[in-house]
Amino acid sequence: MFPNKRVQSLVGRRIHVEMKGEKFVLEGVLTSADDYLNLHLSGANEILNGERKRLLGSVILRGNNVVLINPLKE
């Protein structure tokens, strides 16, 4: 399965996203994704050392900054 098809199948589900850089980790509901794997999360939380640090709300993530997308169990 192509990566963009797999990510499209996760729309509406809660996901965990690891970003490039200083260990940025976000968790939220995947609202939409495009062919470049740009992601729109709603209800996003910033996670640091396994703890929720702050609520970010609606967030758009650029696809080339995403390292890992992991679906969470509901």
PDB file of N, CA and C in Angstrom:
ATOM      1  N   MET A   1       0.849  -1.181   0.000  1.00  0.00           N
ATOM      2  CA  MET A   1       0.000   0.000   0.000  1.00  0.00           C
ATOM      3  C   MET A   1       0.892   1.240   0.000  1.00  0.00           C
ATOM      4  N   PHE A   2       0.542   2.214  -0.815  1.00  0.00           N
ATOM      5  CA  PHE A   2       1.312   3.452  -0.871  1.00  0.00           C
ATOM      6  C   PHE A   2       1.110   4.256   0.409  1.00  0.00           C
ATOM      7  N   PRO A   3       2.144   4.979   0.847  1.00  0.00           N
ATOM      8  CA  PRO A   3       2.036   5.734   2.107  1.00  0.00           C
ATOM      9  C   PRO A   3       0.866   6.708   2.139  1.00  0.00           C
ATOM     10  N   ASN A   4       0.630   7.435   1.027  1.00  0.00           N
ATOM     11  CA  ASN A   4      -0.471   8.415   1.058  1.00  0.00           C
ATOM     12  C   ASN A   4      -1.837   7.721   1.159  1.00  0.00           C
ATOM     13  N   LYS A   5      -1.992   6.541   0.590  1.00  0.00           N
ATOM     14  CA  LYS A   5      -3.249   5.789   0.718  1.00  0.00           C
ATOM     15  C   LYS A   5      -3.447   5.315   2.153  1.00  0.00           C
ATOM     16  N   ARG A   6      -2.361   4.875   2.773  1.00  0.00           N
ATOM     17  CA  ARG A   6      -2.434   4.420   4.173  1.00  0.00           C
ATOM     18  C   ARG A   6      -2.801   5.573   5.096  1.00  0.00           C
ATOM     19  N   VAL A   7      -2.193   6.733   4.886  1.00  0.00           N
ATOM     20  CA  VAL A   7      -2.483   7.905   5.713  1.00  0.00           C
ATOM     21  C   VAL A   7      -3.922   8.352   5.478  1.00  0.00           C
ATOM     22  N   GLN A   8      -4.394   8.329   4.231  1.00  0.00           N
ATOM     23  CA  GLN A   8      -5.786   8.695   3.929  1.00  0.00           C
ATOM     24  C   GLN A   8      -6.772   7.794   4.673  1.00  0.00           C
ATOM     25  N   SER A   9      -6.390   6.534   4.882  1.00  0.00           N
ATOM     26  CA  SER A   9      -7.272   5.608   5.595  1.00  0.00           C
ATOM     27  C   SER A   9      -7.362   5.930   7.086  1.00  0.00           C
ATOM     28  N   LEU A  10      -6.472   6.781   7.592  1.00  0.00           N
ATOM     29  CA  LEU A  10      -6.470   7.154   9.015  1.00  0.00           C
ATOM     30  C   LEU A  10      -7.282   8.413   9.307  1.00  0.00           C
ATOM     31  N   VAL A  11      -7.847   9.049   8.278  1.00  0.00           N
ATOM     32  CA  VAL A  11      -8.633  10.269   8.482  1.00  0.00           C
ATOM     33  C   VAL A  11      -9.797   9.964   9.427  1.00  0.00           C
ATOM     34  N   GLY A  12      -9.954  10.812  10.431  1.00  0.00           N
ATOM     35  CA  GLY A  12     -10.993  10.624  11.439  1.00  0.00           C
ATOM     36  C   GLY A  12     -10.535   9.860  12.658  1.00  0.00           C
ATOM     37  N   ARG A  13      -9.314   9.342  12.626  1.00  0.00           N
ATOM     38  CA  ARG A  13      -8.769   8.582  13.770  1.00  0.00           C
ATOM     39  C   ARG A  13      -7.745   9.402  14.527  1.00  0.00           C
ATOM     40  N   ARG A  14      -7.512   9.048  15.760  1.00  0.00           N
ATOM     41  CA  ARG A  14      -6.521   9.697  16.605  1.00  0.00           C
ATOM     42  C   ARG A  14      -5.137   9.141  16.244  1.00  0.00           C
ATOM     43  N   ILE A  15      -4.164  10.037  16.008  1.00  0.00           N
ATOM     44  CA  ILE A  15      -2.817   9.605  15.621  1.00  0.00           C
ATOM     45  C   ILE A  15      -1.760  10.289  16.488  1.00  0.00           C
ATOM     46  N   HIS A  16      -0.586   9.709  16.472  1.00  0.00           N
ATOM     47  CA  HIS A  16       0.604  10.194  17.174  1.00  0.00           C
ATOM     48  C   HIS A  16       1.617  10.530  16.069  1.00  0.00           C
ATOM     49  N   VAL A  17       2.133  11.774  16.048  1.00  0.00           N
ATOM     50  CA  VAL A  17       3.030  12.210  14.977  1.00  0.00           C
ATOM     51  C   VAL A  17       4.342  12.689  15.577  1.00  0.00           C
ATOM     52  N   GLU A  18       5.452  12.112  15.123  1.00  0.00           N
ATOM     53  CA  GLU A  18       6.776  12.578  15.536  1.00  0.00           C
ATOM     54  C   GLU A  18       7.319  13.467  14.432  1.00  0.00           C
ATOM     55  N   MET A  19       7.873  14.621  14.845  1.00  0.00           N
ATOM     56  CA  MET A  19       8.363  15.624  13.912  1.00  0.00           C
ATOM     57  C   MET A  19       9.889  15.681  13.941  1.00  0.00           C
ATOM     58  N   LYS A  20      10.473  16.222  12.859  1.00  0.00           N
ATOM     59  CA  LYS A  20      11.918  16.483  12.826  1.00  0.00           C
ATOM     60  C   LYS A  20      12.248  17.551  13.857  1.00  0.00           C
ATOM     61  N   GLY A  21      13.494  17.582  14.259  1.00  0.00           N
ATOM     62  CA  GLY A  21      13.931  18.658  15.144  1.00  0.00           C
ATOM     63  C   GLY A  21      14.119  18.202  16.568  1.00  0.00           C
ATOM     64  N   GLU A  22      13.684  19.040  17.476  1.00  0.00           N
ATOM     65  CA  GLU A  22      13.958  18.834  18.893  1.00  0.00           C
ATOM     66  C   GLU A  22      12.945  17.927  19.577  1.00  0.00           C
ATOM     67  N   LYS A  23      12.739  16.742  19.032  1.00  0.00           N
ATOM     68  CA  LYS A  23      11.856  15.745  19.635  1.00  0.00           C
ATOM     69  C   LYS A  23      10.415  16.223  19.797  1.00  0.00           C
ATOM     70  N   PHE A  24       9.880  16.890  18.765  1.00  0.00           N
ATOM     71  CA  PHE A  24       8.492  17.322  18.803  1.00  0.00           C
ATOM     72  C   PHE A  24       7.584  16.131  18.551  1.00  0.00           C
ATOM     73  N   VAL A  25       6.604  15.954  19.417  1.00  0.00           N
ATOM     74  CA  VAL A  25       5.619  14.893  19.271  1.00  0.00           C
ATOM     75  C   VAL A  25       4.238  15.508  19.463  1.00  0.00           C
ATOM     76  N   LEU A  26       3.333  15.219  18.536  1.00  0.00           N
ATOM     77  CA  LEU A  26       1.970  15.729  18.611  1.00  0.00           C
ATOM     78  C   LEU A  26       0.999  14.565  18.550  1.00  0.00           C
ATOM     79  N   GLU A  27      -0.151  14.766  19.170  1.00  0.00           N
ATOM     80  CA  GLU A  27      -1.199  13.769  19.171  1.00  0.00           C
ATOM     81  C   GLU A  27      -2.516  14.487  18.898  1.00  0.00           C
ATOM     82  N   GLY A  28      -3.319  13.956  18.004  1.00  0.00           N
ATOM     83  CA  GLY A  28      -4.610  14.567  17.694  1.00  0.00           C
ATOM     84  C   GLY A  28      -5.378  13.744  16.683  1.00  0.00           C
ATOM     85  N   VAL A  29      -6.534  14.264  16.299  1.00  0.00           N
ATOM     86  CA  VAL A  29      -7.392  13.586  15.325  1.00  0.00           C
ATOM     87  C   VAL A  29      -7.018  14.071  13.928  1.00  0.00           C
ATOM     88  N   LEU A  30      -6.696  13.130  13.042  1.00  0.00           N
ATOM     89  CA  LEU A  30      -6.345  13.477  11.667  1.00  0.00           C
ATOM     90  C   LEU A  30      -7.611  13.896  10.920  1.00  0.00           C
ATOM     91  N   THR A  31      -7.653  15.165  10.532  1.00  0.00           N
ATOM     92  CA  THR A  31      -8.805  15.713   9.820  1.00  0.00           C
ATOM     93  C   THR A  31      -8.658  15.534   8.316  1.00  0.00           C
ATOM     94  N   SER A  32      -7.441  15.768   7.797  1.00  0.00           N
ATOM     95  CA  SER A  32      -7.206  15.589   6.367  1.00  0.00           C
ATOM     96  C   SER A  32      -5.717  15.426   6.099  1.00  0.00           C
ATOM     97  N   ALA A  33      -5.421  14.896   4.907  1.00  0.00           N
ATOM     98  CA  ALA A  33      -4.044  14.717   4.456  1.00  0.00           C
ATOM     99  C   ALA A  33      -4.049  14.830   2.934  1.00  0.00           C
ATOM    100  N   ASP A  34      -2.954  15.354   2.370  1.00  0.00           N
ATOM    101  CA  ASP A  34      -2.882  15.470   0.912  1.00  0.00           C
ATOM    102  C   ASP A  34      -1.794  14.555   0.358  1.00  0.00           C
ATOM    103  N   ASP A  35      -1.509  14.668  -0.941  1.00  0.00           N
ATOM    104  CA  ASP A  35      -0.533  13.798  -1.598  1.00  0.00           C
ATOM    105  C   ASP A  35       0.893  14.025  -1.115  1.00  0.00           C
ATOM    106  N   TYR A  36       1.173  15.188  -0.529  1.00  0.00           N
ATOM    107  CA  TYR A  36       2.510  15.497  -0.008  1.00  0.00           C
ATOM    108  C   TYR A  36       2.631  15.136   1.467  1.00  0.00           C
ATOM    109  N   LEU A  37       1.614  14.479   1.998  1.00  0.00           N
ATOM    110  CA  LEU A  37       1.519  14.088   3.405  1.00  0.00           C
ATOM    111  C   LEU A  37       1.500  15.285   4.356  1.00  0.00           C
ATOM    112  N   ASN A  38       1.026  16.443   3.862  1.00  0.00           N
ATOM    113  CA  ASN A  38       0.714  17.546   4.761  1.00  0.00           C
ATOM    114  C   ASN A  38      -0.507  17.100   5.555  1.00  0.00           C
ATOM    115  N   LEU A  39      -0.487  17.333   6.856  1.00  0.00           N
ATOM    116  CA  LEU A  39      -1.538  16.827   7.737  1.00  0.00           C
ATOM    117  C   LEU A  39      -2.261  17.959   8.434  1.00  0.00           C
ATOM    118  N   HIS A  40      -3.555  17.794   8.638  1.00  0.00           N
ATOM    119  CA  HIS A  40      -4.334  18.721   9.453  1.00  0.00           C
ATOM    120  C   HIS A  40      -4.853  17.925  10.638  1.00  0.00           C
ATOM    121  N   LEU A  41      -4.434  18.337  11.854  1.00  0.00           N
ATOM    122  CA  LEU A  41      -4.882  17.685  13.089  1.00  0.00           C
ATOM    123  C   LEU A  41      -5.822  18.612  13.828  1.00  0.00           C
ATOM    124  N   SER A  42      -6.865  18.063  14.400  1.00  0.00           N
ATOM    125  CA  SER A  42      -7.733  18.845  15.276  1.00  0.00           C
ATOM    126  C   SER A  42      -7.576  18.312  16.696  1.00  0.00           C
ATOM    127  N   GLY A  43      -7.735  19.186  17.666  1.00  0.00           N
ATOM    128  CA  GLY A  43      -7.570  18.787  19.065  1.00  0.00           C
ATOM    129  C   GLY A  43      -6.169  18.303  19.362  1.00  0.00           C
ATOM    130  N   ALA A  44      -5.161  18.926  18.738  1.00  0.00           N
ATOM    131  CA  ALA A  44      -3.771  18.476  18.881  1.00  0.00           C
ATOM    132  C   ALA A  44      -3.199  18.842  20.250  1.00  0.00           C
ATOM    133  N   ASN A  45      -2.449  17.919  20.810  1.00  0.00           N
ATOM    134  CA  ASN A  45      -1.729  18.116  22.063  1.00  0.00           C
ATOM    135  C   ASN A  45      -0.244  17.950  21.809  1.00  0.00           C
ATOM    136  N   GLU A  46       0.569  18.766  22.481  1.00  0.00           N
ATOM    137  CA  GLU A  46       2.015  18.613  22.431  1.00  0.00           C
ATOM    138  C   GLU A  46       2.414  17.655  23.542  1.00  0.00           C
ATOM    139  N   ILE A  47       3.228  16.660  23.197  1.00  0.00           N
ATOM    140  CA  ILE A  47       3.663  15.644  24.152  1.00  0.00           C
ATOM    141  C   ILE A  47       5.158  15.807  24.393  1.00  0.00           C
ATOM    142  N   LEU A  48       5.571  15.833  25.672  1.00  0.00           N
ATOM    143  CA  LEU A  48       6.980  15.927  26.027  1.00  0.00           C
ATOM    144  C   LEU A  48       7.267  14.926  27.129  1.00  0.00           C
ATOM    145  N   ASN A  49       8.182  14.001  26.869  1.00  0.00           N
ATOM    146  CA  ASN A  49       8.530  12.936  27.829  1.00  0.00           C
ATOM    147  C   ASN A  49       7.309  12.135  28.275  1.00  0.00           C
ATOM    148  N   GLY A  50       6.410  11.851  27.333  1.00  0.00           N
ATOM    149  CA  GLY A  50       5.239  11.040  27.633  1.00  0.00           C
ATOM    150  C   GLY A  50       4.095  11.775  28.313  1.00  0.00           C
ATOM    151  N   GLU A  51       4.243  13.067  28.598  1.00  0.00           N
ATOM    152  CA  GLU A  51       3.195  13.853  29.259  1.00  0.00           C
ATOM    153  C   GLU A  51       2.609  14.872  28.309  1.00  0.00           C
ATOM    154  N   ARG A  52       1.314  15.092  28.406  1.00  0.00           N
ATOM    155  CA  ARG A  52       0.685  16.163  27.627  1.00  0.00           C
ATOM    156  C   ARG A  52       1.072  17.490  28.250  1.00  0.00           C
ATOM    157  N   LYS A  53       1.713  18.337  27.444  1.00  0.00           N
ATOM    158  CA  LYS A  53       2.178  19.630  27.944  1.00  0.00           C
ATOM    159  C   LYS A  53       1.182  20.748  27.687  1.00  0.00           C
ATOM    160  N   ARG A  54       0.656  20.820  26.466  1.00  0.00           N
ATOM    161  CA  ARG A  54      -0.296  21.885  26.166  1.00  0.00           C
ATOM    162  C   ARG A  54      -1.198  21.499  25.008  1.00  0.00           C
ATOM    163  N   LEU A  55      -2.396  22.094  25.028  1.00  0.00           N
ATOM    164  CA  LEU A  55      -3.363  21.886  23.965  1.00  0.00           C
ATOM    165  C   LEU A  55      -3.115  22.924  22.887  1.00  0.00           C
ATOM    166  N   LEU A  56      -2.921  22.475  21.637  1.00  0.00           N
ATOM    167  CA  LEU A  56      -2.647  23.374  20.526  1.00  0.00           C
ATOM    168  C   LEU A  56      -3.891  23.628  19.674  1.00  0.00           C
ATOM    169  N   GLY A  57      -4.867  22.761  19.745  1.00  0.00           N
ATOM    170  CA  GLY A  57      -6.074  22.916  18.934  1.00  0.00           C
ATOM    171  C   GLY A  57      -5.868  22.420  17.516  1.00  0.00           C
ATOM    172  N   SER A  58      -6.262  23.233  16.534  1.00  0.00           N
ATOM    173  CA  SER A  58      -6.140  22.873  15.126  1.00  0.00           C
ATOM    174  C   SER A  58      -4.730  23.202  14.628  1.00  0.00           C
ATOM    175  N   VAL A  59      -4.060  22.204  14.029  1.00  0.00           N
ATOM    176  CA  VAL A  59      -2.666  22.359  13.601  1.00  0.00           C
ATOM    177  C   VAL A  59      -2.506  21.794  12.191  1.00  0.00           C
ATOM    178  N   ILE A  60      -1.720  22.494  11.364  1.00  0.00           N
ATOM    179  CA  ILE A  60      -1.354  21.983  10.045  1.00  0.00           C
ATOM    180  C   ILE A  60       0.135  21.665  10.068  1.00  0.00           C
ATOM    181  N   LEU A  61       0.485  20.441   9.675  1.00  0.00           N
ATOM    182  CA  LEU A  61       1.875  19.984   9.682  1.00  0.00           C
ATOM    183  C   LEU A  61       2.349  19.792   8.250  1.00  0.00           C
ATOM    184  N   ARG A  62       3.510  20.338   7.956  1.00  0.00           N
ATOM    185  CA  ARG A  62       4.085  20.166   6.628  1.00  0.00           C
ATOM    186  C   ARG A  62       4.666  18.754   6.509  1.00  0.00           C
ATOM    187  N   GLY A  63       4.363  18.098   5.411  1.00  0.00           N
ATOM    188  CA  GLY A  63       4.729  16.698   5.220  1.00  0.00           C
ATOM    189  C   GLY A  63       6.212  16.397   5.317  1.00  0.00           C
ATOM    190  N   ASN A  64       7.081  17.323   4.856  1.00  0.00           N
ATOM    191  CA  ASN A  64       8.513  17.008   4.889  1.00  0.00           C
ATOM    192  C   ASN A  64       9.109  17.137   6.292  1.00  0.00           C
ATOM    193  N   ASN A  65       8.332  17.568   7.282  1.00  0.00           N
ATOM    194  CA  ASN A  65       8.799  17.625   8.667  1.00  0.00           C
ATOM    195  C   ASN A  65       8.317  16.445   9.499  1.00  0.00           C
ATOM    196  N   VAL A  66       7.501  15.595   8.912  1.00  0.00           N
ATOM    197  CA  VAL A  66       6.951  14.453   9.624  1.00  0.00           C
ATOM    198  C   VAL A  66       7.910  13.267   9.507  1.00  0.00           C
ATOM    199  N   VAL A  67       8.244  12.673  10.651  1.00  0.00           N
ATOM    200  CA  VAL A  67       9.136  11.514  10.674  1.00  0.00           C
ATOM    201  C   VAL A  67       8.334  10.227  10.804  1.00  0.00           C
ATOM    202  N   LEU A  68       7.304  10.230  11.664  1.00  0.00           N
ATOM    203  CA  LEU A  68       6.550   9.008  11.959  1.00  0.00           C
ATOM    204  C   LEU A  68       5.088   9.351  12.228  1.00  0.00           C
ATOM    205  N   ILE A  69       4.192   8.546  11.680  1.00  0.00           N
ATOM    206  CA  ILE A  69       2.758   8.656  11.960  1.00  0.00           C
ATOM    207  C   ILE A  69       2.318   7.304  12.514  1.00  0.00           C
ATOM    208  N   ASN A  70       1.719   7.332  13.705  1.00  0.00           N
ATOM    209  CA  ASN A  70       1.326   6.104  14.361  1.00  0.00           C
ATOM    210  C   ASN A  70      -0.137   6.212  14.791  1.00  0.00           C
ATOM    211  N   PRO A  71      -1.035   5.329  14.297  1.00  0.00           N
ATOM    212  CA  PRO A  71      -2.423   5.382  14.746  1.00  0.00           C
ATOM    213  C   PRO A  71      -2.522   4.907  16.198  1.00  0.00           C
ATOM    214  N   LEU A  72      -3.393   5.570  16.968  1.00  0.00           N
ATOM    215  CA  LEU A  72      -3.587   5.199  18.362  1.00  0.00           C
ATOM    216  C   LEU A  72      -4.847   4.340  18.494  1.00  0.00           C
ATOM    217  N   LYS A  73      -4.858   3.465  19.478  1.00  0.00           N
ATOM    218  CA  LYS A  73      -6.033   2.638  19.736  1.00  0.00           C
ATOM    219  C   LYS A  73      -7.083   3.498  20.392  1.00  0.00           C
ATOM    220  N   GLU A  74      -8.318   3.317  19.979  1.00  0.00           N
ATOM    221  CA  GLU A  74      -9.421   4.135  20.491  1.00  0.00           C
ATOM    222  C   GLU A  74      -9.901   3.599  21.812  1.00  0.00           C
TER     223      GLU A  74
END
